[in-house]
Amino acid sequence: MWRRLSVVVLPLSNKTLTPNQKPRHYSGTAATYARIHSTVAAALQFILLILLASAAFVALEMSSAMPAEKYGFAPSPAIFVASQKTEYSGVRTFAALVLHVTQANYAMGARLSGTKPDVDMASFAGLKDKDQIVAALAASFAFVHKAIGTMTVENVFQSLGGPMTRATMAGGMVSTATEA
């Protein structure tokens, strides 16, 4: 059991292994390891795309459901009872939060795929209209979808610098999209 588990977990750690390599403690054949590596990589990409689709659906539905006049909403002490003494200076508005997710999608997708975003990310600061913001968010999720699609069996566990692999970067992208 532990031997099988290590084959799956080791490539997810900060060690970079290719399908032609195998962990030195793995006693199976290189061909078997390559087959397992290929299966794990394909399953990981599939799962990430499903999770991304779910996060995109929720984010786009939520952004579309928020009335345009409420896009400037940010929590403030005025909406809480006076005894709560909570500081809310600098809290993002709803629009700023949606644009933050949009920018994060493009930045992480670019790092994952090695492709430059097809938009000027600095231009997001000027977006004020709800329809433009929702369209930018939708386009950012399409970009992330393409970025995850660039993961292959050969590169899914390659390092992007330090302990970050393409697999961990893609997982981080999905996590960031679902948190906000």
C-alpha atoms as a PDB file:
ATOM      1  CA  MET A   1       0.000   0.000   0.000  1.00  0.00           C
ATOM      2  CA  TRP A   2       2.683   2.530   0.995  1.00  0.00           C
ATOM      3  CA  ARG A   3       4.675   1.783  -2.122  1.00  0.00           C
ATOM      4  CA  ARG A   4       1.677   2.575  -4.336  1.00  0.00           C
ATOM      5  CA  LEU A   5       0.911   5.710  -2.352  1.00  0.00           C
ATOM      6  CA  SER A   6       4.480   6.995  -2.654  1.00  0.00           C
ATOM      7  CA  VAL A   7       4.301   6.700  -6.433  1.00  0.00           C
ATOM      8  CA  VAL A   8       1.340   9.067  -6.452  1.00  0.00           C
ATOM      9  CA  VAL A   9       2.479  11.449  -3.710  1.00  0.00           C
ATOM     10  CA  LEU A  10       6.159  11.812  -4.598  1.00  0.00           C
ATOM     11  CA  PRO A  11       5.551  13.553  -7.933  1.00  0.00           C
ATOM     12  CA  LEU A  12       3.212  15.976  -6.142  1.00  0.00           C
ATOM     13  CA  SER A  13       6.008  17.011  -3.795  1.00  0.00           C
ATOM     14  CA  ASN A  14       8.765  19.440  -4.711  1.00  0.00           C
ATOM     15  CA  LYS A  15      10.740  16.708  -6.461  1.00  0.00           C
ATOM     16  CA  THR A  16      10.567  16.890 -10.251  1.00  0.00           C
ATOM     17  CA  LEU A  17      10.246  13.532 -11.968  1.00  0.00           C
ATOM     18  CA  THR A  18       9.585  12.796 -15.588  1.00  0.00           C
ATOM     19  CA  PRO A  19       7.687   9.755 -16.877  1.00  0.00           C
ATOM     20  CA  ASN A  20      11.043   8.149 -17.748  1.00  0.00           C
ATOM     21  CA  GLN A  21      12.370   8.463 -14.206  1.00  0.00           C
ATOM     22  CA  LYS A  22      11.176   6.585 -11.190  1.00  0.00           C
ATOM     23  CA  PRO A  23      11.690   7.130  -7.480  1.00  0.00           C
ATOM     24  CA  ARG A  24      14.648   5.118  -6.253  1.00  0.00           C
ATOM     25  CA  HIS A  25      12.485   3.355  -3.637  1.00  0.00           C
ATOM     26  CA  TYR A  26       9.940   2.220  -6.270  1.00  0.00           C
ATOM     27  CA  SER A  27      10.464  -1.470  -6.989  1.00  0.00           C
ATOM     28  CA  GLY A  28       8.249  -1.762 -10.076  1.00  0.00           C
ATOM     29  CA  THR A  29       9.429  -1.460 -13.646  1.00  0.00           C
ATOM     30  CA  ALA A  30      10.089   1.861 -15.332  1.00  0.00           C
ATOM     31  CA  ALA A  31       7.289   1.124 -17.814  1.00  0.00           C
ATOM     32  CA  THR A  32       4.810   0.591 -14.978  1.00  0.00           C
ATOM     33  CA  TYR A  33       5.926   3.792 -13.301  1.00  0.00           C
ATOM     34  CA  ALA A  34       5.580   5.718 -16.584  1.00  0.00           C
ATOM     35  CA  ARG A  35       2.036   4.358 -16.977  1.00  0.00           C
ATOM     36  CA  ILE A  36       1.148   5.364 -13.396  1.00  0.00           C
ATOM     37  CA  HIS A  37       2.752   8.794 -13.891  1.00  0.00           C
ATOM     38  CA  SER A  38       0.744   9.275 -17.073  1.00  0.00           C
ATOM     39  CA  THR A  39      -2.510   8.249 -15.381  1.00  0.00           C
ATOM     40  CA  VAL A  40      -1.937  10.519 -12.384  1.00  0.00           C
ATOM     41  CA  ALA A  41      -1.063  13.475 -14.624  1.00  0.00           C
ATOM     42  CA  ALA A  42      -4.143  13.004 -16.819  1.00  0.00           C
ATOM     43  CA  ALA A  43      -6.429  12.506 -13.809  1.00  0.00           C
ATOM     44  CA  LEU A  44      -4.989  15.587 -12.117  1.00  0.00           C
ATOM     45  CA  GLN A  45      -5.593  17.740 -15.184  1.00  0.00           C
ATOM     46  CA  PHE A  46      -9.148  16.420 -15.513  1.00  0.00           C
ATOM     47  CA  ILE A  47      -9.934  17.075 -11.830  1.00  0.00           C
ATOM     48  CA  LEU A  48      -8.455  20.580 -11.991  1.00  0.00           C
ATOM     49  CA  LEU A  49     -10.537  21.426 -15.050  1.00  0.00           C
ATOM     50  CA  ILE A  50     -13.707  20.217 -13.288  1.00  0.00           C
ATOM     51  CA  LEU A  51     -12.884  22.238 -10.162  1.00  0.00           C
ATOM     52  CA  LEU A  52     -12.088  25.272 -12.296  1.00  0.00           C
ATOM     53  CA  ALA A  53     -15.394  24.975 -14.140  1.00  0.00           C
ATOM     54  CA  SER A  54     -17.209  24.842 -10.811  1.00  0.00           C
ATOM     55  CA  ALA A  55     -15.326  27.883  -9.461  1.00  0.00           C
ATOM     56  CA  ALA A  56     -15.941  29.802 -12.686  1.00  0.00           C
ATOM     57  CA  PHE A  57     -19.651  28.988 -12.594  1.00  0.00           C
ATOM     58  CA  VAL A  58     -20.027  30.218  -9.013  1.00  0.00           C
ATOM     59  CA  ALA A  59     -17.920  33.345  -9.562  1.00  0.00           C
ATOM     60  CA  LEU A  60     -19.721  34.302 -12.767  1.00  0.00           C
ATOM     61  CA  GLU A  61     -23.177  33.608 -11.320  1.00  0.00           C
ATOM     62  CA  MET A  62     -22.368  35.625  -8.212  1.00  0.00           C
ATOM     63  CA  SER A  63     -20.916  38.501 -10.242  1.00  0.00           C
ATOM     64  CA  SER A  64     -23.901  38.523 -12.561  1.00  0.00           C
ATOM     65  CA  ALA A  65     -26.426  38.333  -9.713  1.00  0.00           C
ATOM     66  CA  MET A  66     -24.989  41.332  -7.843  1.00  0.00           C
ATOM     67  CA  PRO A  67     -26.898  44.464  -8.922  1.00  0.00           C
ATOM     68  CA  ALA A  68     -24.737  46.997 -10.772  1.00  0.00           C
ATOM     69  CA  GLU A  69     -25.423  49.671  -8.154  1.00  0.00           C
ATOM     70  CA  LYS A  70     -23.978  47.370  -5.453  1.00  0.00           C
ATOM     71  CA  TYR A  71     -20.612  46.838  -7.205  1.00  0.00           C
ATOM     72  CA  GLY A  72     -19.224  49.669  -5.054  1.00  0.00           C
ATOM     73  CA  PHE A  73     -20.221  47.890  -1.826  1.00  0.00           C
ATOM     74  CA  ALA A  74     -17.507  47.271   0.764  1.00  0.00           C
ATOM     75  CA  PRO A  75     -18.102  46.211   4.361  1.00  0.00           C
ATOM     76  CA  SER A  76     -17.804  49.085   6.814  1.00  0.00           C
ATOM     77  CA  PRO A  77     -18.309  49.587  10.539  1.00  0.00           C
ATOM     78  CA  ALA A  78     -21.664  51.220   9.731  1.00  0.00           C
ATOM     79  CA  ILE A  79     -23.260  47.850   8.916  1.00  0.00           C
ATOM     80  CA  PHE A  80     -22.274  46.293  12.260  1.00  0.00           C
ATOM     81  CA  VAL A  81     -23.246  47.078  15.821  1.00  0.00           C
ATOM     82  CA  ALA A  82     -21.114  49.713  17.494  1.00  0.00           C
ATOM     83  CA  SER A  83     -19.682  47.303  20.073  1.00  0.00           C
ATOM     84  CA  GLN A  84     -17.862  45.245  17.404  1.00  0.00           C
ATOM     85  CA  LYS A  85     -15.006  47.758  17.006  1.00  0.00           C
ATOM     86  CA  THR A  86     -13.802  46.307  13.709  1.00  0.00           C
ATOM     87  CA  GLU A  87     -11.505  48.244  11.383  1.00  0.00           C
ATOM     88  CA  TYR A  88     -12.519  48.101   7.711  1.00  0.00           C
ATOM     89  CA  SER A  89     -10.321  50.731   6.105  1.00  0.00           C
ATOM     90  CA  GLY A  90      -8.873  49.541   2.823  1.00  0.00           C
ATOM     91  CA  VAL A  91     -11.342  46.683   2.354  1.00  0.00           C
ATOM     92  CA  ARG A  92     -11.992  45.976  -1.316  1.00  0.00           C
ATOM     93  CA  THR A  93     -15.289  46.792  -2.916  1.00  0.00           C
ATOM     94  CA  PHE A  94     -17.182  43.979  -4.604  1.00  0.00           C
ATOM     95  CA  ALA A  95     -15.956  45.212  -8.012  1.00  0.00           C
ATOM     96  CA  ALA A  96     -12.360  45.349  -6.765  1.00  0.00           C
ATOM     97  CA  LEU A  97     -12.634  41.793  -5.451  1.00  0.00           C
ATOM     98  CA  VAL A  98     -13.926  40.519  -8.800  1.00  0.00           C
ATOM     99  CA  LEU A  99     -11.121  42.363 -10.602  1.00  0.00           C
ATOM    100  CA  HIS A 100      -8.591  40.908  -8.141  1.00  0.00           C
ATOM    101  CA  VAL A 101      -9.701  37.379  -9.062  1.00  0.00           C
ATOM    102  CA  THR A 102      -9.529  38.371 -12.733  1.00  0.00           C
ATOM    103  CA  GLN A 103      -5.952  39.640 -12.416  1.00  0.00           C
ATOM    104  CA  ALA A 104      -4.890  36.622 -10.340  1.00  0.00           C
ATOM    105  CA  ASN A 105      -6.310  34.275 -12.988  1.00  0.00           C
ATOM    106  CA  TYR A 106      -4.303  35.958 -15.726  1.00  0.00           C
ATOM    107  CA  ALA A 107      -1.089  36.194 -13.688  1.00  0.00           C
ATOM    108  CA  MET A 108      -1.108  32.579 -12.515  1.00  0.00           C
ATOM    109  CA  GLY A 109      -2.335  31.264 -15.857  1.00  0.00           C
ATOM    110  CA  ALA A 110       0.527  33.053 -17.612  1.00  0.00           C
ATOM    111  CA  ARG A 111       3.059  31.566 -15.212  1.00  0.00           C
ATOM    112  CA  LEU A 112       1.599  28.082 -15.612  1.00  0.00           C
ATOM    113  CA  SER A 113       1.439  28.079 -19.403  1.00  0.00           C
ATOM    114  CA  GLY A 114       4.321  30.411 -20.215  1.00  0.00           C
ATOM    115  CA  THR A 115       2.029  32.431 -22.471  1.00  0.00           C
ATOM    116  CA  LYS A 116       1.416  36.145 -22.202  1.00  0.00           C
ATOM    117  CA  PRO A 117      -2.164  37.215 -21.431  1.00  0.00           C
ATOM    118  CA  ASP A 118      -3.982  38.602 -24.449  1.00  0.00           C
ATOM    119  CA  VAL A 119      -5.112  41.650 -22.433  1.00  0.00           C
ATOM    120  CA  ASP A 120      -3.391  44.549 -20.711  1.00  0.00           C
ATOM    121  CA  MET A 121      -3.846  43.741 -17.038  1.00  0.00           C
ATOM    122  CA  ALA A 122      -3.265  47.375 -16.070  1.00  0.00           C
ATOM    123  CA  SER A 123      -6.450  48.279 -17.957  1.00  0.00           C
ATOM    124  CA  PHE A 124      -8.563  46.436 -15.363  1.00  0.00           C
ATOM    125  CA  ALA A 125      -8.106  49.321 -12.921  1.00  0.00           C
ATOM    126  CA  GLY A 126     -10.200  51.503 -15.230  1.00  0.00           C
ATOM    127  CA  LEU A 127     -13.146  49.117 -15.425  1.00  0.00           C
ATOM    128  CA  LYS A 128     -16.196  50.465 -13.600  1.00  0.00           C
ATOM    129  CA  ASP A 129     -19.136  49.009 -15.548  1.00  0.00           C
ATOM    130  CA  LYS A 130     -20.589  45.731 -14.243  1.00  0.00           C
ATOM    131  CA  ASP A 131     -20.899  44.185 -17.718  1.00  0.00           C
ATOM    132  CA  GLN A 132     -17.247  44.955 -18.518  1.00  0.00           C
ATOM    133  CA  ILE A 133     -16.092  43.514 -15.193  1.00  0.00           C
ATOM    134  CA  VAL A 134     -18.114  40.305 -15.627  1.00  0.00           C
ATOM    135  CA  ALA A 135     -16.822  39.945 -19.206  1.00  0.00           C
ATOM    136  CA  ALA A 136     -13.227  40.393 -17.986  1.00  0.00           C
ATOM    137  CA  LEU A 137     -13.779  37.735 -15.307  1.00  0.00           C
ATOM    138  CA  ALA A 138     -15.237  35.306 -17.862  1.00  0.00           C
ATOM    139  CA  ALA A 139     -12.293  35.891 -20.204  1.00  0.00           C
ATOM    140  CA  SER A 140      -9.840  35.293 -17.345  1.00  0.00           C
ATOM    141  CA  PHE A 141     -11.429  31.924 -16.587  1.00  0.00           C
ATOM    142  CA  ALA A 142     -11.171  30.996 -20.282  1.00  0.00           C
ATOM    143  CA  PHE A 143      -7.461  31.927 -20.141  1.00  0.00           C
ATOM    144  CA  VAL A 144      -6.937  29.745 -17.046  1.00  0.00           C
ATOM    145  CA  HIS A 145      -8.786  26.879 -18.743  1.00  0.00           C
ATOM    146  CA  LYS A 146      -6.365  27.122 -21.685  1.00  0.00           C
ATOM    147  CA  ALA A 147      -3.414  27.343 -19.292  1.00  0.00           C
ATOM    148  CA  ILE A 148      -4.391  24.132 -17.499  1.00  0.00           C
ATOM    149  CA  GLY A 149      -4.821  22.566 -20.941  1.00  0.00           C
ATOM    150  CA  THR A 150      -1.096  23.142 -21.592  1.00  0.00           C
ATOM    151  CA  MET A 151      -0.189  20.658 -18.871  1.00  0.00           C
ATOM    152  CA  THR A 152       1.105  17.428 -20.352  1.00  0.00           C
ATOM    153  CA  VAL A 153       2.354  14.157 -18.953  1.00  0.00           C
ATOM    154  CA  GLU A 154       5.882  15.407 -19.584  1.00  0.00           C
ATOM    155  CA  ASN A 155       5.547  18.802 -17.868  1.00  0.00           C
ATOM    156  CA  VAL A 156       2.831  18.472 -15.211  1.00  0.00           C
ATOM    157  CA  PHE A 157       5.344  17.824 -12.420  1.00  0.00           C
ATOM    158  CA  GLN A 158       8.130  20.070 -13.727  1.00  0.00           C
ATOM    159  CA  SER A 159       9.303  22.823 -11.442  1.00  0.00           C
ATOM    160  CA  LEU A 160       8.318  26.413 -12.181  1.00  0.00           C
ATOM    161  CA  GLY A 161      11.002  27.538  -9.764  1.00  0.00           C
ATOM    162  CA  GLY A 162      11.501  26.446  -6.194  1.00  0.00           C
ATOM    163  CA  PRO A 163       8.993  23.909  -4.914  1.00  0.00           C
ATOM    164  CA  MET A 164       6.247  25.096  -7.320  1.00  0.00           C
ATOM    165  CA  THR A 165       5.355  22.621 -10.076  1.00  0.00           C
ATOM    166  CA  ARG A 166       2.777  23.080 -12.802  1.00  0.00           C
ATOM    167  CA  ALA A 167       0.461  20.817 -10.797  1.00  0.00           C
ATOM    168  CA  THR A 168       0.779  22.895  -7.626  1.00  0.00           C
ATOM    169  CA  MET A 169       0.400  26.162  -9.575  1.00  0.00           C
ATOM    170  CA  ALA A 170      -2.796  24.875 -11.213  1.00  0.00           C
ATOM    171  CA  GLY A 171      -4.102  23.768  -7.818  1.00  0.00           C
ATOM    172  CA  GLY A 172      -3.303  27.216  -6.439  1.00  0.00           C
ATOM    173  CA  MET A 173      -5.185  28.866  -9.301  1.00  0.00           C
ATOM    174  CA  VAL A 174      -8.291  26.815  -8.608  1.00  0.00           C
ATOM    175  CA  SER A 175      -7.982  27.481  -4.877  1.00  0.00           C
ATOM    176  CA  THR A 176      -7.633  31.226  -5.389  1.00  0.00           C
ATOM    177  CA  ALA A 177     -10.676  31.285  -7.657  1.00  0.00           C
ATOM    178  CA  THR A 178     -12.809  29.423  -5.116  1.00  0.00           C
ATOM    179  CA  GLU A 179     -11.677  31.431  -2.074  1.00  0.00           C
ATOM    180  CA  ALA A 180     -12.690  34.834  -3.292  1.00  0.00           C
END
